[in-house]
Amino acid sequence: NQRELVATITSGGYTNYADSVKGRFTISRDNAKNTVYLQMN
């Protein structure tokens, strides 16, 4: 398959998800740690 978007998050906390993962995945960001997370359930 080609590379596809899963989720994005801005520095202000706005998020966007692919339809296939909505309700199952959560993206979050810790700006102080310069780290982004993807919780996949």
All heavy atoms as atom14 arrays in JSON, in Angstrom:
{
  "sequence": "NQRELVATITSGGYTNYADSVKGRFTISRDNAKNTVYLQMN",
  "atom14_mask": [
    [1, 1, 1, 1, 1, 1, 1, 1, 0, 0, 0, 0, 0, 0],
    [1, 1, 1, 1, 1, 1, 1, 1, 1, 0, 0, 0, 0, 0],
    [1, 1, 1, 1, 1, 1, 1, 1, 1, 1, 1, 0, 0, 0],
    [1, 1, 1, 1, 1, 1, 1, 1, 1, 0, 0, 0, 0, 0],
    [1, 1, 1, 1, 1, 1, 1, 1, 0, 0, 0, 0, 0, 0],
    [1, 1, 1, 1, 1, 1, 1, 0, 0, 0, 0, 0, 0, 0],
    [1, 1, 1, 1, 1, 0, 0, 0, 0, 0, 0, 0, 0, 0],
    [1, 1, 1, 1, 1, 1, 1, 0, 0, 0, 0, 0, 0, 0],
    [1, 1, 1, 1, 1, 1, 1, 1, 0, 0, 0, 0, 0, 0],
    [1, 1, 1, 1, 1, 1, 1, 0, 0, 0, 0, 0, 0, 0],
    [1, 1, 1, 1, 1, 1, 0, 0, 0, 0, 0, 0, 0, 0],
    [1, 1, 1, 1, 0, 0, 0, 0, 0, 0, 0, 0, 0, 0],
    [1, 1, 1, 1, 0, 0, 0, 0, 0, 0, 0, 0, 0, 0],
    [1, 1, 1, 1, 1, 1, 1, 1, 1, 1, 1, 1, 0, 0],
    [1, 1, 1, 1, 1, 1, 1, 0, 0, 0, 0, 0, 0, 0],
    [1, 1, 1, 1, 1, 1, 1, 1, 0, 0, 0, 0, 0, 0],
    [1, 1, 1, 1, 1, 1, 1, 1, 1, 1, 1, 1, 0, 0],
    [1, 1, 1, 1, 1, 0, 0, 0, 0, 0, 0, 0, 0, 0],
    [1, 1, 1, 1, 1, 1, 1, 1, 0, 0, 0, 0, 0, 0],
    [1, 1, 1, 1, 1, 1, 0, 0, 0, 0, 0, 0, 0, 0],
    [1, 1, 1, 1, 1, 1, 1, 0, 0, 0, 0, 0, 0, 0],
    [1, 1, 1, 1, 1, 1, 1, 1, 1, 0, 0, 0, 0, 0],
    [1, 1, 1, 1, 0, 0, 0, 0, 0, 0, 0, 0, 0, 0],
    [1, 1, 1, 1, 1, 1, 1, 1, 1, 1, 1, 0, 0, 0],
    [1, 1, 1, 1, 1, 1, 1, 1, 1, 1, 1, 0, 0, 0],
    [1, 1, 1, 1, 1, 1, 1, 0, 0, 0, 0, 0, 0, 0],
    [1, 1, 1, 1, 1, 1, 1, 1, 0, 0, 0, 0, 0, 0],
    [1, 1, 1, 1, 1, 1, 0, 0, 0, 0, 0, 0, 0, 0],
    [1, 1, 1, 1, 1, 1, 1, 1, 1, 1, 1, 0, 0, 0],
    [1, 1, 1, 1, 1, 1, 1, 1, 0, 0, 0, 0, 0, 0],
    [1, 1, 1, 1, 1, 1, 1, 1, 0, 0, 0, 0, 0, 0],
    [1, 1, 1, 1, 1, 0, 0, 0, 0, 0, 0, 0, 0, 0],
    [1, 1, 1, 1, 1, 1, 1, 1, 1, 0, 0, 0, 0, 0],
    [1, 1, 1, 1, 1, 1, 1, 1, 0, 0, 0, 0, 0, 0],
    [1, 1, 1, 1, 1, 1, 1, 0, 0, 0, 0, 0, 0, 0],
    [1, 1, 1, 1, 1, 1, 1, 0, 0, 0, 0, 0, 0, 0],
    [1, 1, 1, 1, 1, 1, 1, 1, 1, 1, 1, 1, 0, 0],
    [1, 1, 1, 1, 1, 1, 1, 1, 0, 0, 0, 0, 0, 0],
    [1, 1, 1, 1, 1, 1, 1, 1, 1, 0, 0, 0, 0, 0],
    [1, 1, 1, 1, 1, 1, 1, 1, 0, 0, 0, 0, 0, 0],
    [1, 1, 1, 1, 1, 1, 1, 1, 0, 0, 0, 0, 0, 0]
  ],
  "atom14_positions": [
    [[0.82, -1.21, 0.0], [0.0, 0.0, 0.0], [0.86, 1.26, 0.0], [2.03, 1.24, 0.33], [-0.92, 0.02, 1.21], [-1.91, -1.12, 1.24], [-2.38, -1.56, 0.18], [-2.24, -1.59, 2.43], [0.0, 0.0, 0.0], [0.0, 0.0, 0.0], [0.0, 0.0, 0.0], [0.0, 0.0, 0.0], [0.0, 0.0, 0.0], [0.0, 0.0, 0.0]],
    [[0.23, 2.38, -0.35], [0.91, 3.66, -0.27], [0.84, 4.19, 1.16], [0.01, 3.75, 1.97], [0.28, 4.67, -1.23], [-1.15, 5.05, -0.9], [-1.73, 6.05, -1.89], [-1.11, 6.36, -2.91], [-2.91, 6.55, -1.59], [0.0, 0.0, 0.0], [0.0, 0.0, 0.0], [0.0, 0.0, 0.0], [0.0, 0.0, 0.0], [0.0, 0.0, 0.0]],
    [[1.71, 5.13, 1.47], [1.7, 5.74, 2.79], [0.44, 6.59, 2.95], [0.09, 7.38, 2.08], [2.95, 6.59, 2.99], [3.16, 7.06, 4.41], [4.51, 7.76, 4.58], [5.62, 6.85, 4.3], [6.9, 7.17, 4.47], [7.24, 8.37, 4.93], [7.85, 6.29, 4.17], [0.0, 0.0, 0.0], [0.0, 0.0, 0.0], [0.0, 0.0, 0.0]],
    [[-0.24, 6.45, 4.1], [-1.48, 7.16, 4.34], [-1.44, 7.85, 5.7], [-0.79, 7.38, 6.64], [-2.68, 6.22, 4.28], [-2.69, 5.16, 5.37], [-3.91, 4.27, 5.32], [-4.8, 4.49, 4.47], [-3.99, 3.32, 6.15], [0.0, 0.0, 0.0], [0.0, 0.0, 0.0], [0.0, 0.0, 0.0], [0.0, 0.0, 0.0], [0.0, 0.0, 0.0]],
    [[-2.17, 8.94, 5.81], [-2.27, 9.68, 7.05], [-3.09, 8.9, 8.06], [-4.13, 8.34, 7.72], [-2.89, 11.06, 6.81], [-2.98, 12.0, 8.01], [-2.81, 13.44, 7.56], [-4.33, 11.85, 8.73], [0.0, 0.0, 0.0], [0.0, 0.0, 0.0], [0.0, 0.0, 0.0], [0.0, 0.0, 0.0], [0.0, 0.0, 0.0], [0.0, 0.0, 0.0]],
    [[-2.62, 8.86, 9.31], [-3.35, 8.23, 10.4], [-3.95, 9.3, 11.3], [-5.16, 9.29, 11.58], [-2.44, 7.31, 11.23], [-3.2, 6.72, 12.42], [-1.89, 6.19, 10.35], [0.0, 0.0, 0.0], [0.0, 0.0, 0.0], [0.0, 0.0, 0.0], [0.0, 0.0, 0.0], [0.0, 0.0, 0.0], [0.0, 0.0, 0.0], [0.0, 0.0, 0.0]],
    [[-3.13, 10.23, 11.79], [-3.6, 11.27, 12.7], [-2.59, 12.41, 12.73], [-1.4, 12.19, 12.55], [-3.79, 10.72, 14.12], [0.0, 0.0, 0.0], [0.0, 0.0, 0.0], [0.0, 0.0, 0.0], [0.0, 0.0, 0.0], [0.0, 0.0, 0.0], [0.0, 0.0, 0.0], [0.0, 0.0, 0.0], [0.0, 0.0, 0.0], [0.0, 0.0, 0.0]],
    [[-3.08, 13.63, 12.95], [-2.22, 14.79, 13.11], [-2.67, 15.6, 14.32], [-3.83, 15.51, 14.75], [-2.22, 15.7, 11.87], [-3.55, 16.17, 11.62], [-1.68, 14.97, 10.66], [0.0, 0.0, 0.0], [0.0, 0.0, 0.0], [0.0, 0.0, 0.0], [0.0, 0.0, 0.0], [0.0, 0.0, 0.0], [0.0, 0.0, 0.0], [0.0, 0.0, 0.0]],
    [[-1.76, 16.41, 14.84], [-2.06, 17.3, 15.95], [-1.21, 18.55, 15.81], [-0.03, 18.49, 15.49], [-1.83, 16.59, 17.31], [-2.27, 17.49, 18.47], [-0.38, 16.15, 17.46], [-2.33, 16.75, 19.81], [0.0, 0.0, 0.0], [0.0, 0.0, 0.0], [0.0, 0.0, 0.0], [0.0, 0.0, 0.0], [0.0, 0.0, 0.0], [0.0, 0.0, 0.0]],
    [[-1.82, 19.71, 16.05], [-1.09, 20.97, 16.01], [-0.55, 21.29, 17.39], [-0.9, 20.67, 18.39], [-1.99, 22.12, 15.54], [-2.98, 22.4, 16.54], [-2.68, 21.77, 14.23], [0.0, 0.0, 0.0], [0.0, 0.0, 0.0], [0.0, 0.0, 0.0], [0.0, 0.0, 0.0], [0.0, 0.0, 0.0], [0.0, 0.0, 0.0], [0.0, 0.0, 0.0]],
    [[0.32, 22.31, 17.45], [0.86, 22.73, 18.74], [-0.23, 23.25, 19.66], [-0.05, 23.24, 20.88], [1.94, 23.8, 18.54], [1.41, 24.94, 17.88], [0.0, 0.0, 0.0], [0.0, 0.0, 0.0], [0.0, 0.0, 0.0], [0.0, 0.0, 0.0], [0.0, 0.0, 0.0], [0.0, 0.0, 0.0], [0.0, 0.0, 0.0], [0.0, 0.0, 0.0]],
    [[-1.35, 23.7, 19.1], [-2.48, 24.16, 19.89], [-3.43, 23.06, 20.32], [-4.4, 23.33, 21.03], [0.0, 0.0, 0.0], [0.0, 0.0, 0.0], [0.0, 0.0, 0.0], [0.0, 0.0, 0.0], [0.0, 0.0, 0.0], [0.0, 0.0, 0.0], [0.0, 0.0, 0.0], [0.0, 0.0, 0.0], [0.0, 0.0, 0.0], [0.0, 0.0, 0.0]],
    [[-3.16, 21.81, 19.88], [-3.96, 20.69, 20.33], [-5.08, 20.27, 19.4], [-5.86, 19.37, 19.75], [0.0, 0.0, 0.0], [0.0, 0.0, 0.0], [0.0, 0.0, 0.0], [0.0, 0.0, 0.0], [0.0, 0.0, 0.0], [0.0, 0.0, 0.0], [0.0, 0.0, 0.0], [0.0, 0.0, 0.0], [0.0, 0.0, 0.0], [0.0, 0.0, 0.0]],
    [[-5.19, 20.87, 18.23], [-6.21, 20.44, 17.27], [-5.81, 19.13, 16.63], [-4.68, 18.97, 16.18], [-6.43, 21.52, 16.21], [-6.97, 22.81, 16.78], [-6.13, 23.88, 17.01], [-8.32, 22.95, 17.07], [-6.62, 25.06, 17.54], [-8.83, 24.12, 17.59], [-7.97, 25.18, 17.83], [-8.47, 26.35, 18.35], [0.0, 0.0, 0.0], [0.0, 0.0, 0.0]],
    [[-6.74, 18.19, 16.56], [-6.45, 16.85, 16.06], [-7.29, 16.52, 14.84], [-8.38, 17.05, 14.63], [-6.71, 15.79, 17.14], [-8.07, 15.86, 17.57], [-5.79, 16.03, 18.33], [0.0, 0.0, 0.0], [0.0, 0.0, 0.0], [0.0, 0.0, 0.0], [0.0, 0.0, 0.0], [0.0, 0.0, 0.0], [0.0, 0.0, 0.0], [0.0, 0.0, 0.0]],
    [[-6.76, 15.59, 14.05], [-7.46, 15.07, 12.88], [-7.11, 13.6, 12.73], [-5.95, 13.22, 12.94], [-7.06, 15.84, 11.62], [-7.84, 15.41, 10.41], [-9.06, 15.47, 10.4], [-7.14, 14.97, 9.37], [0.0, 0.0, 0.0], [0.0, 0.0, 0.0], [0.0, 0.0, 0.0], [0.0, 0.0, 0.0], [0.0, 0.0, 0.0], [0.0, 0.0, 0.0]],
    [[-8.11, 12.78, 12.39], [-7.93, 11.34, 12.29], [-8.46, 10.81, 10.97], [-9.47, 11.3, 10.45], [-8.66, 10.61, 13.41], [-8.17, 10.92, 14.8], [-8.75, 11.94, 15.54], [-7.14, 10.19, 15.37], [-8.31, 12.22, 16.82], [-6.69, 10.46, 16.65], [-7.28, 11.48, 17.38], [-6.84, 11.76, 18.66], [0.0, 0.0, 0.0], [0.0, 0.0, 0.0]],
    [[-7.8, 9.78, 10.47], [-8.37, 9.02, 9.38], [-9.64, 8.33, 9.85], [-9.75, 7.91, 11.0], [-7.37, 7.98, 8.87], [0.0, 0.0, 0.0], [0.0, 0.0, 0.0], [0.0, 0.0, 0.0], [0.0, 0.0, 0.0], [0.0, 0.0, 0.0], [0.0, 0.0, 0.0], [0.0, 0.0, 0.0], [0.0, 0.0, 0.0], [0.0, 0.0, 0.0]],
    [[-10.62, 8.2, 8.95], [-11.88, 7.57, 9.32], [-11.68, 6.15, 9.85], [-12.4, 5.7, 10.75], [-12.83, 7.53, 8.13], [-13.4, 8.89, 7.78], [-13.35, 9.8, 8.63], [-13.9, 9.05, 6.66], [0.0, 0.0, 0.0], [0.0, 0.0, 0.0], [0.0, 0.0, 0.0], [0.0, 0.0, 0.0], [0.0, 0.0, 0.0], [0.0, 0.0, 0.0]],
    [[-10.69, 5.45, 9.34], [-10.47, 4.06, 9.71], [-10.01, 3.88, 11.15], [-10.1, 2.77, 11.68], [-9.46, 3.42, 8.76], [-8.22, 4.1, 8.81], [0.0, 0.0, 0.0], [0.0, 0.0, 0.0], [0.0, 0.0, 0.0], [0.0, 0.0, 0.0], [0.0, 0.0, 0.0], [0.0, 0.0, 0.0], [0.0, 0.0, 0.0], [0.0, 0.0, 0.0]],
    [[-9.52, 4.95, 11.79], [-9.01, 4.82, 13.16], [-9.79, 5.65, 14.17], [-9.51, 5.56, 15.37], [-7.51, 5.2, 13.24], [-6.7, 4.4, 12.22], [-7.3, 6.7, 13.05], [0.0, 0.0, 0.0], [0.0, 0.0, 0.0], [0.0, 0.0, 0.0], [0.0, 0.0, 0.0], [0.0, 0.0, 0.0], [0.0, 0.0, 0.0], [0.0, 0.0, 0.0]],
    [[-10.76, 6.42, 13.73], [-11.54, 7.24, 14.65], [-12.23, 6.37, 15.7], [-12.81, 5.34, 15.38], [-12.58, 8.07, 13.9], [-12.0, 9.23, 13.12], [-13.1, 10.01, 12.4], [-12.52, 11.18, 11.64], [-13.55, 11.91, 10.88], [0.0, 0.0, 0.0], [0.0, 0.0, 0.0], [0.0, 0.0, 0.0], [0.0, 0.0, 0.0], [0.0, 0.0, 0.0]],
    [[-12.15, 6.8, 16.95], [-12.74, 6.06, 18.04], [-11.85, 4.99, 18.62], [-12.17, 4.45, 19.68], [0.0, 0.0, 0.0], [0.0, 0.0, 0.0], [0.0, 0.0, 0.0], [0.0, 0.0, 0.0], [0.0, 0.0, 0.0], [0.0, 0.0, 0.0], [0.0, 0.0, 0.0], [0.0, 0.0, 0.0], [0.0, 0.0, 0.0], [0.0, 0.0, 0.0]],
    [[-10.76, 4.66, 17.94], [-9.84, 3.63, 18.41], [-8.46, 4.19, 18.75], [-7.82, 3.72, 19.69], [-9.68, 2.52, 17.36], [-10.98, 1.81, 17.02], [-10.74, 0.61, 16.13], [-10.15, 0.99, 14.84], [-8.96, 0.58, 14.41], [-8.22, -0.24, 15.16], [-8.51, 0.97, 13.22], [0.0, 0.0, 0.0], [0.0, 0.0, 0.0], [0.0, 0.0, 0.0]],
    [[-7.99, 5.16, 17.97], [-6.67, 5.75, 18.16], [-6.8, 7.15, 18.75], [-7.76, 7.88, 18.44], [-5.91, 5.86, 16.84], [-5.49, 4.56, 16.22], [-5.94, 3.34, 16.69], [-4.62, 4.57, 15.14], [-5.55, 2.15, 16.11], [-4.22, 3.39, 14.54], [-4.68, 2.17, 15.03], [0.0, 0.0, 0.0], [0.0, 0.0, 0.0], [0.0, 0.0, 0.0]],
    [[-5.83, 7.54, 19.56], [-5.78, 8.88, 20.12], [-4.38, 9.44, 19.97], [-3.41, 8.82, 20.41], [-6.17, 8.89, 21.61], [-7.48, 8.35, 21.77], [-6.15, 10.32, 22.15], [0.0, 0.0, 0.0], [0.0, 0.0, 0.0], [0.0, 0.0, 0.0], [0.0, 0.0, 0.0], [0.0, 0.0, 0.0], [0.0, 0.0, 0.0], [0.0, 0.0, 0.0]],
    [[-4.27, 10.61, 19.33], [-2.99, 11.28, 19.22], [-2.9, 12.36, 20.29], [-3.89, 13.03, 20.6], [-2.79, 11.89, 17.81], [-1.35, 12.4, 17.63], [-3.8, 12.98, 17.51], [-1.01, 12.78, 16.19], [0.0, 0.0, 0.0], [0.0, 0.0, 0.0], [0.0, 0.0, 0.0], [0.0, 0.0, 0.0], [0.0, 0.0, 0.0], [0.0, 0.0, 0.0]],
    [[-1.73, 12.5, 20.88], [-1.51, 13.53, 21.9], [-0.09, 14.06, 21.75], [0.74, 13.48, 21.06], [-1.76, 12.99, 23.31], [-0.88, 11.92, 23.6], [0.0, 0.0, 0.0], [0.0, 0.0, 0.0], [0.0, 0.0, 0.0], [0.0, 0.0, 0.0], [0.0, 0.0, 0.0], [0.0, 0.0, 0.0], [0.0, 0.0, 0.0], [0.0, 0.0, 0.0]],
    [[0.17, 15.17, 22.42], [1.44, 15.86, 22.25], [1.86, 16.51, 23.55], [1.06, 17.14, 24.23], [1.29, 16.92, 21.14], [2.51, 17.72, 20.81], [2.24, 18.56, 19.57], [3.37, 19.4, 19.21], [3.48, 20.08, 18.09], [2.51, 20.02, 17.18], [4.55, 20.82, 17.85], [0.0, 0.0, 0.0], [0.0, 0.0, 0.0], [0.0, 0.0, 0.0]],
    [[3.12, 16.35, 23.9], [3.71, 17.0, 25.05], [4.77, 17.96, 24.5], [5.88, 17.55, 24.18], [4.33, 15.99, 26.0], [4.82, 16.61, 27.3], [5.14, 17.82, 27.31], [4.89, 15.89, 28.31], [0.0, 0.0, 0.0], [0.0, 0.0, 0.0], [0.0, 0.0, 0.0], [0.0, 0.0, 0.0], [0.0, 0.0, 0.0], [0.0, 0.0, 0.0]],
    [[4.41, 19.23, 24.38], [5.31, 20.2, 23.78], [6.59, 20.4, 24.6], [7.66, 20.63, 24.04], [4.6, 21.54, 23.58], [3.54, 21.48, 22.51], [3.69, 20.77, 21.52], [2.47, 22.24, 22.69], [0.0, 0.0, 0.0], [0.0, 0.0, 0.0], [0.0, 0.0, 0.0], [0.0, 0.0, 0.0], [0.0, 0.0, 0.0], [0.0, 0.0, 0.0]],
    [[6.49, 20.31, 25.92], [7.66, 20.48, 26.77], [8.68, 19.38, 26.53], [9.89, 19.6, 26.66], [7.26, 20.52, 28.24], [0.0, 0.0, 0.0], [0.0, 0.0, 0.0], [0.0, 0.0, 0.0], [0.0, 0.0, 0.0], [0.0, 0.0, 0.0], [0.0, 0.0, 0.0], [0.0, 0.0, 0.0], [0.0, 0.0, 0.0], [0.0, 0.0, 0.0]],
    [[8.2, 18.17, 26.2], [9.08, 17.04, 25.93], [9.37, 16.85, 24.45], [10.09, 15.92, 24.09], [8.48, 15.76, 26.5], [8.34, 15.76, 28.02], [7.75, 14.44, 28.51], [7.62, 14.42, 30.02], [7.02, 13.15, 30.5], [0.0, 0.0, 0.0], [0.0, 0.0, 0.0], [0.0, 0.0, 0.0], [0.0, 0.0, 0.0], [0.0, 0.0, 0.0]],
    [[8.77, 17.69, 23.61], [8.92, 17.57, 22.16], [8.56, 16.17, 21.68], [9.24, 15.59, 20.84], [10.35, 17.93, 21.73], [10.74, 19.32, 22.14], [9.98, 20.28, 21.93], [11.93, 19.47, 22.71], [0.0, 0.0, 0.0], [0.0, 0.0, 0.0], [0.0, 0.0, 0.0], [0.0, 0.0, 0.0], [0.0, 0.0, 0.0], [0.0, 0.0, 0.0]],
    [[7.47, 15.65, 22.21], [7.07, 14.28, 21.95], [5.61, 14.21, 21.54], [4.76, 14.9, 22.11], [7.3, 13.41, 23.2], [8.69, 13.42, 23.53], [6.88, 11.97, 22.94], [0.0, 0.0, 0.0], [0.0, 0.0, 0.0], [0.0, 0.0, 0.0], [0.0, 0.0, 0.0], [0.0, 0.0, 0.0], [0.0, 0.0, 0.0], [0.0, 0.0, 0.0]],
    [[5.33, 13.35, 20.56], [3.97, 13.06, 20.15], [3.72, 11.58, 20.37], [4.62, 10.75, 20.19], [3.71, 13.48, 18.69], [4.58, 12.69, 17.72], [2.24, 13.35, 18.34], [0.0, 0.0, 0.0], [0.0, 0.0, 0.0], [0.0, 0.0, 0.0], [0.0, 0.0, 0.0], [0.0, 0.0, 0.0], [0.0, 0.0, 0.0], [0.0, 0.0, 0.0]],
    [[2.5, 11.24, 20.76], [2.12, 9.87, 21.07], [0.96, 9.43, 20.2], [0.15, 10.24, 19.75], [1.71, 9.72, 22.53], [2.73, 10.21, 23.53], [2.69, 11.51, 24.01], [3.73, 9.35, 24.0], [3.63, 11.96, 24.93], [4.66, 9.79, 24.92], [4.6, 11.09, 25.38], [5.54, 11.53, 26.3], [0.0, 0.0, 0.0], [0.0, 0.0, 0.0]],
    [[0.87, 8.14, 19.98], [-0.29, 7.55, 19.33], [-0.73, 6.35, 20.15], [-0.05, 5.32, 20.16], [0.01, 7.13, 17.9], [-1.19, 6.62, 17.1], [-2.17, 7.77, 16.83], [-0.75, 5.99, 15.78], [0.0, 0.0, 0.0], [0.0, 0.0, 0.0], [0.0, 0.0, 0.0], [0.0, 0.0, 0.0], [0.0, 0.0, 0.0], [0.0, 0.0, 0.0]],
    [[-1.84, 6.5, 20.88], [-2.42, 5.4, 21.63], [-3.35, 4.64, 20.7], [-4.3, 5.22, 20.18], [-3.19, 5.91, 22.85], [-3.86, 4.83, 23.67], [-2.88, 3.91, 24.35], [-1.92, 4.36, 24.95], [-3.12, 2.61, 24.25], [0.0, 0.0, 0.0], [0.0, 0.0, 0.0], [0.0, 0.0, 0.0], [0.0, 0.0, 0.0], [0.0, 0.0, 0.0]],
    [[-3.09, 3.36, 20.5], [-3.84, 2.53, 19.58], [-4.56, 1.44, 20.36], [-3.91, 0.58, 20.96], [-2.93, 1.93, 18.52], [-2.11, 2.95, 17.74], [-1.13, 2.22, 16.41], [0.03, 1.27, 17.39], [0.0, 0.0, 0.0], [0.0, 0.0, 0.0], [0.0, 0.0, 0.0], [0.0, 0.0, 0.0], [0.0, 0.0, 0.0], [0.0, 0.0, 0.0]],
    [[-5.87, 1.49, 20.37], [-6.7, 0.51, 21.05], [-7.54, -0.26, 20.04], [-7.72, 0.17, 18.9], [-7.62, 1.19, 22.07], [-6.88, 1.9, 23.16], [-5.82, 1.47, 23.6], [-7.45, 3.01, 23.63], [0.0, 0.0, 0.0], [0.0, 0.0, 0.0], [0.0, 0.0, 0.0], [0.0, 0.0, 0.0], [0.0, 0.0, 0.0], [0.0, 0.0, 0.0]]
  ]
}
